[in-house]
Amino acid sequence: LFLFQAVAVLTSLVVPAALRWARDQRALA
């Protein structure tokens, strides 16, 4: 369960860059 959340934390660090790059969030979501 810790691993699930730790991976989620690492993933959340990447999302802002994707938000800046994408024209909208449909594909990402």
Full PDB file with SEQRES, HELIX, SHEET, SSBOND, CRYST1, ORIGX, SCALE, CONECT and MASTER records, all heavy atoms in Angstrom:
SEQRES   1 A   29  LEU PHE LEU PHE GLN ALA VAL ALA VAL LEU THR SER LEU          
SEQRES   2 A   29  VAL VAL PRO ALA ALA LEU ARG TRP ALA ARG ASP GLN ARG          
SEQRES   3 A   29  ALA LEU ALA                                                  
HELIX    1 AA1 PHE A    2  TRP A   21  1                                  20    
CRYST1    1.000    1.000    1.000  90.00  90.00  90.00 P 1           1          
ORIGX1      1.000000  0.000000  0.000000        0.00000                         
ORIGX2      0.000000  1.000000  0.000000        0.00000                         
ORIGX3      0.000000  0.000000  1.000000        0.00000                         
SCALE1      1.000000  0.000000  0.000000        0.00000                         
SCALE2      0.000000  1.000000  0.000000        0.00000                         
SCALE3      0.000000  0.000000  1.000000        0.00000                         
ATOM      1  N   LEU A   1       0.835  -1.200   0.000  1.00  0.00           N  
ATOM      2  CA  LEU A   1       0.000   0.000   0.000  1.00  0.00           C  
ATOM      3  C   LEU A   1       0.872   1.254   0.000  1.00  0.00           C  
ATOM      4  O   LEU A   1       0.556   2.248  -0.662  1.00  0.00           O  
ATOM      5  CB  LEU A   1      -0.938  -0.008   1.201  1.00  0.00           C  
ATOM      6  CG  LEU A   1      -1.943   1.141   1.284  1.00  0.00           C  
ATOM      7  CD1 LEU A   1      -2.838   1.184   0.055  1.00  0.00           C  
ATOM      8  CD2 LEU A   1      -2.799   1.020   2.551  1.00  0.00           C  
ATOM      9  N   PHE A   2       1.975   1.198   0.736  1.00  0.00           N  
ATOM     10  CA  PHE A   2       2.950   2.294   0.695  1.00  0.00           C  
ATOM     11  C   PHE A   2       3.494   2.468  -0.723  1.00  0.00           C  
ATOM     12  O   PHE A   2       3.615   3.596  -1.227  1.00  0.00           O  
ATOM     13  CB  PHE A   2       4.097   1.998   1.659  1.00  0.00           C  
ATOM     14  CG  PHE A   2       5.313   2.875   1.454  1.00  0.00           C  
ATOM     15  CD1 PHE A   2       5.368   4.145   2.011  1.00  0.00           C  
ATOM     16  CD2 PHE A   2       6.384   2.440   0.691  1.00  0.00           C  
ATOM     17  CE1 PHE A   2       6.475   4.963   1.809  1.00  0.00           C  
ATOM     18  CE2 PHE A   2       7.490   3.243   0.487  1.00  0.00           C  
ATOM     19  CZ  PHE A   2       7.537   4.511   1.053  1.00  0.00           C  
ATOM     20  N   LEU A   3       3.810   1.353  -1.385  1.00  0.00           N  
ATOM     21  CA  LEU A   3       4.341   1.424  -2.753  1.00  0.00           C  
ATOM     22  C   LEU A   3       3.338   2.074  -3.688  1.00  0.00           C  
ATOM     23  O   LEU A   3       3.707   2.921  -4.517  1.00  0.00           O  
ATOM     24  CB  LEU A   3       4.687   0.015  -3.244  1.00  0.00           C  
ATOM     25  CG  LEU A   3       5.177  -0.091  -4.695  1.00  0.00           C  
ATOM     26  CD1 LEU A   3       6.503   0.651  -4.865  1.00  0.00           C  
ATOM     27  CD2 LEU A   3       5.322  -1.558  -5.103  1.00  0.00           C  
ATOM     28  N   PHE A   4       2.072   1.688  -3.584  1.00  0.00           N  
ATOM     29  CA  PHE A   4       1.016   2.297  -4.394  1.00  0.00           C  
ATOM     30  C   PHE A   4       1.029   3.815  -4.252  1.00  0.00           C  
ATOM     31  O   PHE A   4       1.000   4.559  -5.239  1.00  0.00           O  
ATOM     32  CB  PHE A   4      -0.337   1.717  -3.964  1.00  0.00           C  
ATOM     33  CG  PHE A   4      -1.523   2.603  -4.229  1.00  0.00           C  
ATOM     34  CD1 PHE A   4      -1.965   2.834  -5.522  1.00  0.00           C  
ATOM     35  CD2 PHE A   4      -2.201   3.207  -3.181  1.00  0.00           C  
ATOM     36  CE1 PHE A   4      -3.071   3.658  -5.765  1.00  0.00           C  
ATOM     37  CE2 PHE A   4      -3.299   4.021  -3.407  1.00  0.00           C  
ATOM     38  CZ  PHE A   4      -3.732   4.254  -4.704  1.00  0.00           C  
ATOM     39  N   GLN A   5       1.119   4.284  -3.016  1.00  0.00           N  
ATOM     40  CA  GLN A   5       1.074   5.722  -2.776  1.00  0.00           C  
ATOM     41  C   GLN A   5       2.388   6.405  -3.133  1.00  0.00           C  
ATOM     42  O   GLN A   5       2.395   7.555  -3.584  1.00  0.00           O  
ATOM     43  CB  GLN A   5       0.696   5.980  -1.325  1.00  0.00           C  
ATOM     44  CG  GLN A   5      -0.727   5.531  -1.016  1.00  0.00           C  
ATOM     45  CD  GLN A   5      -1.061   5.643   0.450  1.00  0.00           C  
ATOM     46  OE1 GLN A   5      -1.569   6.655   0.919  1.00  0.00           O  
ATOM     47  NE2 GLN A   5      -0.780   4.594   1.191  1.00  0.00           N  
ATOM     48  N   ALA A   6       3.518   5.699  -2.929  1.00  0.00           N  
ATOM     49  CA  ALA A   6       4.812   6.286  -3.297  1.00  0.00           C  
ATOM     50  C   ALA A   6       4.909   6.478  -4.803  1.00  0.00           C  
ATOM     51  O   ALA A   6       5.384   7.521  -5.287  1.00  0.00           O  
ATOM     52  CB  ALA A   6       5.945   5.383  -2.799  1.00  0.00           C  
ATOM     53  N   VAL A   7       4.454   5.500  -5.572  1.00  0.00           N  
ATOM     54  CA  VAL A   7       4.441   5.642  -7.030  1.00  0.00           C  
ATOM     55  C   VAL A   7       3.509   6.774  -7.435  1.00  0.00           C  
ATOM     56  O   VAL A   7       3.810   7.552  -8.353  1.00  0.00           O  
ATOM     57  CB  VAL A   7       4.019   4.316  -7.697  1.00  0.00           C  
ATOM     58  CG1 VAL A   7       3.816   4.504  -9.199  1.00  0.00           C  
ATOM     59  CG2 VAL A   7       5.062   3.242  -7.439  1.00  0.00           C  
ATOM     60  N   ALA A   8       2.374   6.879  -6.732  1.00  0.00           N  
ATOM     61  CA  ALA A   8       1.444   7.975  -7.025  1.00  0.00           C  
ATOM     62  C   ALA A   8       2.100   9.331  -6.785  1.00  0.00           C  
ATOM     63  O   ALA A   8       1.899  10.276  -7.567  1.00  0.00           O  
ATOM     64  CB  ALA A   8       0.186   7.826  -6.160  1.00  0.00           C  
ATOM     65  N   VAL A   9       2.896   9.431  -5.730  1.00  0.00           N  
ATOM     66  CA  VAL A   9       3.599  10.684  -5.436  1.00  0.00           C  
ATOM     67  C   VAL A   9       4.581  11.013  -6.557  1.00  0.00           C  
ATOM     68  O   VAL A   9       4.636  12.152  -7.045  1.00  0.00           O  
ATOM     69  CB  VAL A   9       4.335  10.582  -4.090  1.00  0.00           C  
ATOM     70  CG1 VAL A   9       5.288  11.751  -3.910  1.00  0.00           C  
ATOM     71  CG2 VAL A   9       3.342  10.538  -2.943  1.00  0.00           C  
ATOM     72  N   LEU A  10       5.366  10.032  -6.971  1.00  0.00           N  
ATOM     73  CA  LEU A  10       6.333  10.275  -8.047  1.00  0.00           C  
ATOM     74  C   LEU A  10       5.627  10.661  -9.344  1.00  0.00           C  
ATOM     75  O   LEU A  10       6.085  11.540 -10.080  1.00  0.00           O  
ATOM     76  CB  LEU A  10       7.186   9.020  -8.256  1.00  0.00           C  
ATOM     77  CG  LEU A  10       8.109   8.639  -7.087  1.00  0.00           C  
ATOM     78  CD1 LEU A  10       8.821   7.326  -7.379  1.00  0.00           C  
ATOM     79  CD2 LEU A  10       9.115   9.740  -6.803  1.00  0.00           C  
ATOM     80  N   THR A  11       4.502  10.006  -9.617  1.00  0.00           N  
ATOM     81  CA  THR A  11       3.738  10.339 -10.819  1.00  0.00           C  
ATOM     82  C   THR A  11       3.216  11.771 -10.762  1.00  0.00           C  
ATOM     83  O   THR A  11       3.211  12.486 -11.770  1.00  0.00           O  
ATOM     84  CB  THR A  11       2.559   9.364 -10.977  1.00  0.00           C  
ATOM     85  OG1 THR A  11       3.050   8.025 -10.978  1.00  0.00           O  
ATOM     86  CG2 THR A  11       1.810   9.619 -12.280  1.00  0.00           C  
ATOM     87  N   SER A  12       2.784  12.191  -9.579  1.00  0.00           N  
ATOM     88  CA  SER A  12       2.226  13.536  -9.444  1.00  0.00           C  
ATOM     89  C   SER A  12       3.255  14.619  -9.736  1.00  0.00           C  
ATOM     90  O   SER A  12       2.888  15.744 -10.076  1.00  0.00           O  
ATOM     91  CB  SER A  12       1.652  13.722  -8.035  1.00  0.00           C  
ATOM     92  OG  SER A  12       2.683  13.741  -7.060  1.00  0.00           O  
ATOM     93  N   LEU A  13       4.541  14.287  -9.624  1.00  0.00           N  
ATOM     94  CA  LEU A  13       5.581  15.264  -9.930  1.00  0.00           C  
ATOM     95  C   LEU A  13       5.699  15.521 -11.427  1.00  0.00           C  
ATOM     96  O   LEU A  13       6.176  16.581 -11.855  1.00  0.00           O  
ATOM     97  CB  LEU A  13       6.935  14.765  -9.391  1.00  0.00           C  
ATOM     98  CG  LEU A  13       7.059  14.645  -7.869  1.00  0.00           C  
ATOM     99  CD1 LEU A  13       8.378  13.990  -7.500  1.00  0.00           C  
ATOM    100  CD2 LEU A  13       6.947  16.020  -7.217  1.00  0.00           C  
ATOM    101  N   VAL A  14       5.265  14.556 -12.230  1.00  0.00           N  
ATOM    102  CA  VAL A  14       5.397  14.673 -13.686  1.00  0.00           C  
ATOM    103  C   VAL A  14       4.213  15.412 -14.298  1.00  0.00           C  
ATOM    104  O   VAL A  14       4.338  16.031 -15.360  1.00  0.00           O  
ATOM    105  CB  VAL A  14       5.523  13.265 -14.312  1.00  0.00           C  
ATOM    106  CG1 VAL A  14       5.657  13.337 -15.829  1.00  0.00           C  
ATOM    107  CG2 VAL A  14       6.705  12.524 -13.698  1.00  0.00           C  
ATOM    108  N   VAL A  15       3.067  15.354 -13.644  1.00  0.00           N  
ATOM    109  CA  VAL A  15       1.832  15.880 -14.230  1.00  0.00           C  
ATOM    110  C   VAL A  15       1.909  17.371 -14.564  1.00  0.00           C  
ATOM    111  O   VAL A  15       1.430  17.783 -15.624  1.00  0.00           O  
ATOM    112  CB  VAL A  15       0.632  15.579 -13.318  1.00  0.00           C  
ATOM    113  CG1 VAL A  15      -0.642  16.232 -13.837  1.00  0.00           C  
ATOM    114  CG2 VAL A  15       0.432  14.070 -13.227  1.00  0.00           C  
ATOM    115  N   PRO A  16       2.488  18.249 -13.704  1.00  0.00           N  
ATOM    116  CA  PRO A  16       2.519  19.672 -14.057  1.00  0.00           C  
ATOM    117  C   PRO A  16       3.183  19.954 -15.395  1.00  0.00           C  
ATOM    118  O   PRO A  16       2.727  20.812 -16.152  1.00  0.00           O  
ATOM    119  CB  PRO A  16       3.312  20.303 -12.900  1.00  0.00           C  
ATOM    120  CG  PRO A  16       3.088  19.391 -11.759  1.00  0.00           C  
ATOM    121  CD  PRO A  16       3.033  18.019 -12.348  1.00  0.00           C  
ATOM    122  N   ALA A  17       4.264  19.218 -15.715  1.00  0.00           N  
ATOM    123  CA  ALA A  17       4.910  19.412 -17.011  1.00  0.00           C  
ATOM    124  C   ALA A  17       3.964  19.027 -18.146  1.00  0.00           C  
ATOM    125  O   ALA A  17       3.881  19.709 -19.171  1.00  0.00           O  
ATOM    126  CB  ALA A  17       6.191  18.581 -17.087  1.00  0.00           C  
ATOM    127  N   ALA A  18       3.227  17.942 -17.940  1.00  0.00           N  
ATOM    128  CA  ALA A  18       2.260  17.518 -18.952  1.00  0.00           C  
ATOM    129  C   ALA A  18       1.133  18.536 -19.091  1.00  0.00           C  
ATOM    130  O   ALA A  18       0.642  18.779 -20.198  1.00  0.00           O  
ATOM    131  CB  ALA A  18       1.693  16.144 -18.588  1.00  0.00           C  
ATOM    132  N   LEU A  19       0.741  19.148 -17.976  1.00  0.00           N  
ATOM    133  CA  LEU A  19      -0.303  20.166 -18.032  1.00  0.00           C  
ATOM    134  C   LEU A  19       0.149  21.382 -18.833  1.00  0.00           C  
ATOM    135  O   LEU A  19      -0.636  21.979 -19.569  1.00  0.00           O  
ATOM    136  CB  LEU A  19      -0.692  20.593 -16.611  1.00  0.00           C  
ATOM    137  CG  LEU A  19      -1.482  19.585 -15.771  1.00  0.00           C  
ATOM    138  CD1 LEU A  19      -1.665  20.101 -14.349  1.00  0.00           C  
ATOM    139  CD2 LEU A  19      -2.836  19.301 -16.401  1.00  0.00           C  
ATOM    140  N   ARG A  20       1.418  21.759 -18.698  1.00  0.00           N  
ATOM    141  CA  ARG A  20       1.933  22.907 -19.445  1.00  0.00           C  
ATOM    142  C   ARG A  20       2.063  22.588 -20.920  1.00  0.00           C  
ATOM    143  O   ARG A  20       1.863  23.439 -21.779  1.00  0.00           O  
ATOM    144  CB  ARG A  20       3.294  23.337 -18.877  1.00  0.00           C  
ATOM    145  CG  ARG A  20       3.206  24.016 -17.520  1.00  0.00           C  
ATOM    146  CD  ARG A  20       4.526  24.679 -17.169  1.00  0.00           C  
ATOM    147  NE  ARG A  20       5.603  23.711 -17.044  1.00  0.00           N  
ATOM    148  CZ  ARG A  20       5.931  23.103 -15.913  1.00  0.00           C  
ATOM    149  NH1 ARG A  20       5.241  23.346 -14.804  1.00  0.00           N  
ATOM    150  NH2 ARG A  20       6.929  22.246 -15.881  1.00  0.00           N  
ATOM    151  N   TRP A  21       2.390  21.336 -21.234  1.00  0.00           N  
ATOM    152  CA  TRP A  21       2.644  20.959 -22.624  1.00  0.00           C  
ATOM    153  C   TRP A  21       1.348  20.748 -23.412  1.00  0.00           C  
ATOM    154  O   TRP A  21       1.252  21.106 -24.581  1.00  0.00           O  
ATOM    155  CB  TRP A  21       3.477  19.680 -22.640  1.00  0.00           C  
ATOM    156  CG  TRP A  21       3.662  19.084 -24.000  1.00  0.00           C  
ATOM    157  CD1 TRP A  21       4.537  19.488 -24.968  1.00  0.00           C  
ATOM    158  CD2 TRP A  21       2.941  17.983 -24.548  1.00  0.00           C  
ATOM    159  NE1 TRP A  21       4.419  18.699 -26.086  1.00  0.00           N  
ATOM    160  CE2 TRP A  21       3.442  17.767 -25.851  1.00  0.00           C  
ATOM    161  CE3 TRP A  21       1.941  17.149 -24.072  1.00  0.00           C  
ATOM    162  CZ2 TRP A  21       2.960  16.753 -26.673  1.00  0.00           C  
ATOM    163  CZ3 TRP A  21       1.454  16.145 -24.888  1.00  0.00           C  
ATOM    164  CH2 TRP A  21       1.962  15.957 -26.173  1.00  0.00           C  
ATOM    165  N   ALA A  22       0.338  20.180 -22.763  1.00  0.00           N  
ATOM    166  CA  ALA A  22      -0.885  19.806 -23.469  1.00  0.00           C  
ATOM    167  C   ALA A  22      -1.781  21.020 -23.693  1.00  0.00           C  
ATOM    168  O   ALA A  22      -1.828  21.943 -22.872  1.00  0.00           O  
ATOM    169  CB  ALA A  22      -1.640  18.752 -22.673  1.00  0.00           C  
ATOM    170  N   ARG A  23      -2.519  21.018 -24.804  1.00  0.00           N  
ATOM    171  CA  ARG A  23      -3.464  22.098 -25.096  1.00  0.00           C  
ATOM    172  C   ARG A  23      -4.683  22.000 -24.177  1.00  0.00           C  
ATOM    173  O   ARG A  23      -5.270  23.008 -23.814  1.00  0.00           O  
ATOM    174  CB  ARG A  23      -3.887  22.038 -26.556  1.00  0.00           C  
ATOM    175  CG  ARG A  23      -2.735  22.239 -27.530  1.00  0.00           C  
ATOM    176  CD  ARG A  23      -3.209  22.249 -28.967  1.00  0.00           C  
ATOM    177  NE  ARG A  23      -4.118  23.361 -29.226  1.00  0.00           N  
ATOM    178  CZ  ARG A  23      -4.651  23.599 -30.424  1.00  0.00           C  
ATOM    179  NH1 ARG A  23      -4.381  22.786 -31.436  1.00  0.00           N  
ATOM    180  NH2 ARG A  23      -5.454  24.625 -30.605  1.00  0.00           N  
ATOM    181  N   ASP A  24      -5.112  20.788 -23.865  1.00  0.00           N  
ATOM    182  CA  ASP A  24      -6.115  20.574 -22.829  1.00  0.00           C  
ATOM    183  C   ASP A  24      -5.770  19.266 -22.128  1.00  0.00           C  
ATOM    184  O   ASP A  24      -4.720  18.677 -22.393  1.00  0.00           O  
ATOM    185  CB  ASP A  24      -7.544  20.577 -23.396  1.00  0.00           C  
ATOM    186  CG  ASP A  24      -7.784  19.470 -24.409  1.00  0.00           C  
ATOM    187  OD1 ASP A  24      -7.131  18.405 -24.313  1.00  0.00           O  
ATOM    188  OD2 ASP A  24      -8.622  19.661 -25.306  1.00  0.00           O  
ATOM    189  N   GLN A  25      -6.635  18.813 -21.228  1.00  0.00           N  
ATOM    190  CA  GLN A  25      -6.279  17.664 -20.398  1.00  0.00           C  
ATOM    191  C   GLN A  25      -7.064  16.398 -20.746  1.00  0.00           C  
ATOM    192  O   GLN A  25      -7.066  15.432 -19.980  1.00  0.00           O  
ATOM    193  CB  GLN A  25      -6.503  18.002 -18.917  1.00  0.00           C  
ATOM    194  CG  GLN A  25      -5.635  19.121 -18.393  1.00  0.00           C  
ATOM    195  CD  GLN A  25      -6.207  20.490 -18.735  1.00  0.00           C  
ATOM    196  OE1 GLN A  25      -7.402  20.718 -18.633  1.00  0.00           O  
ATOM    197  NE2 GLN A  25      -5.341  21.397 -19.154  1.00  0.00           N  
ATOM    198  N   ARG A  26      -7.751  16.378 -21.880  1.00  0.00           N  
ATOM    199  CA  ARG A  26      -8.596  15.229 -22.211  1.00  0.00           C  
ATOM    200  C   ARG A  26      -7.786  13.939 -22.342  1.00  0.00           C  
ATOM    201  O   ARG A  26      -8.125  12.917 -21.729  1.00  0.00           O  
ATOM    202  CB  ARG A  26      -9.374  15.503 -23.492  1.00  0.00           C  
ATOM    203  CG  ARG A  26     -10.545  16.442 -23.307  1.00  0.00           C  
ATOM    204  CD  ARG A  26     -11.246  16.739 -24.619  1.00  0.00           C  
ATOM    205  NE  ARG A  26     -10.408  17.544 -25.503  1.00  0.00           N  
ATOM    206  CZ  ARG A  26     -10.793  18.003 -26.687  1.00  0.00           C  
ATOM    207  NH1 ARG A  26     -12.010  17.708 -27.139  1.00  0.00           N  
ATOM    208  NH2 ARG A  26      -9.999  18.742 -27.420  1.00  0.00           N  
ATOM    209  N   ALA A  27      -6.739  13.973 -23.143  1.00  0.00           N  
ATOM    210  CA  ALA A  27      -5.952  12.762 -23.371  1.00  0.00           C  
ATOM    211  C   ALA A  27      -5.276  12.292 -22.091  1.00  0.00           C  
ATOM    212  O   ALA A  27      -5.260  11.092 -21.771  1.00  0.00           O  
ATOM    213  CB  ALA A  27      -4.912  13.012 -24.465  1.00  0.00           C  
ATOM    214  N   LEU A  28      -4.717  13.246 -21.346  1.00  0.00           N  
ATOM    215  CA  LEU A  28      -4.019  12.889 -20.115  1.00  0.00           C  
ATOM    216  C   LEU A  28      -4.979  12.288 -19.090  1.00  0.00           C  
ATOM    217  O   LEU A  28      -4.675  11.271 -18.459  1.00  0.00           O  
ATOM    218  CB  LEU A  28      -3.339  14.137 -19.542  1.00  0.00           C  
ATOM    219  CG  LEU A  28      -2.520  13.953 -18.256  1.00  0.00           C  
ATOM    220  CD1 LEU A  28      -1.416  12.930 -18.467  1.00  0.00           C  
ATOM    221  CD2 LEU A  28      -1.943  15.284 -17.810  1.00  0.00           C  
ATOM    222  N   ALA A  29      -6.147  12.892 -18.923  1.00  0.00           N  
ATOM    223  CA  ALA A  29      -7.111  12.406 -17.940  1.00  0.00           C  
ATOM    224  C   ALA A  29      -7.672  11.042 -18.338  1.00  0.00           C  
ATOM    225  O   ALA A  29      -7.823  10.147 -17.497  1.00  0.00           O  
ATOM    226  CB  ALA A  29      -8.248  13.414 -17.776  1.00  0.00           C  
TER     227      ALA A  29                                                      
MASTER        0    0    0    1    0    0    0    6  226    1    0    3          
END                                                                             
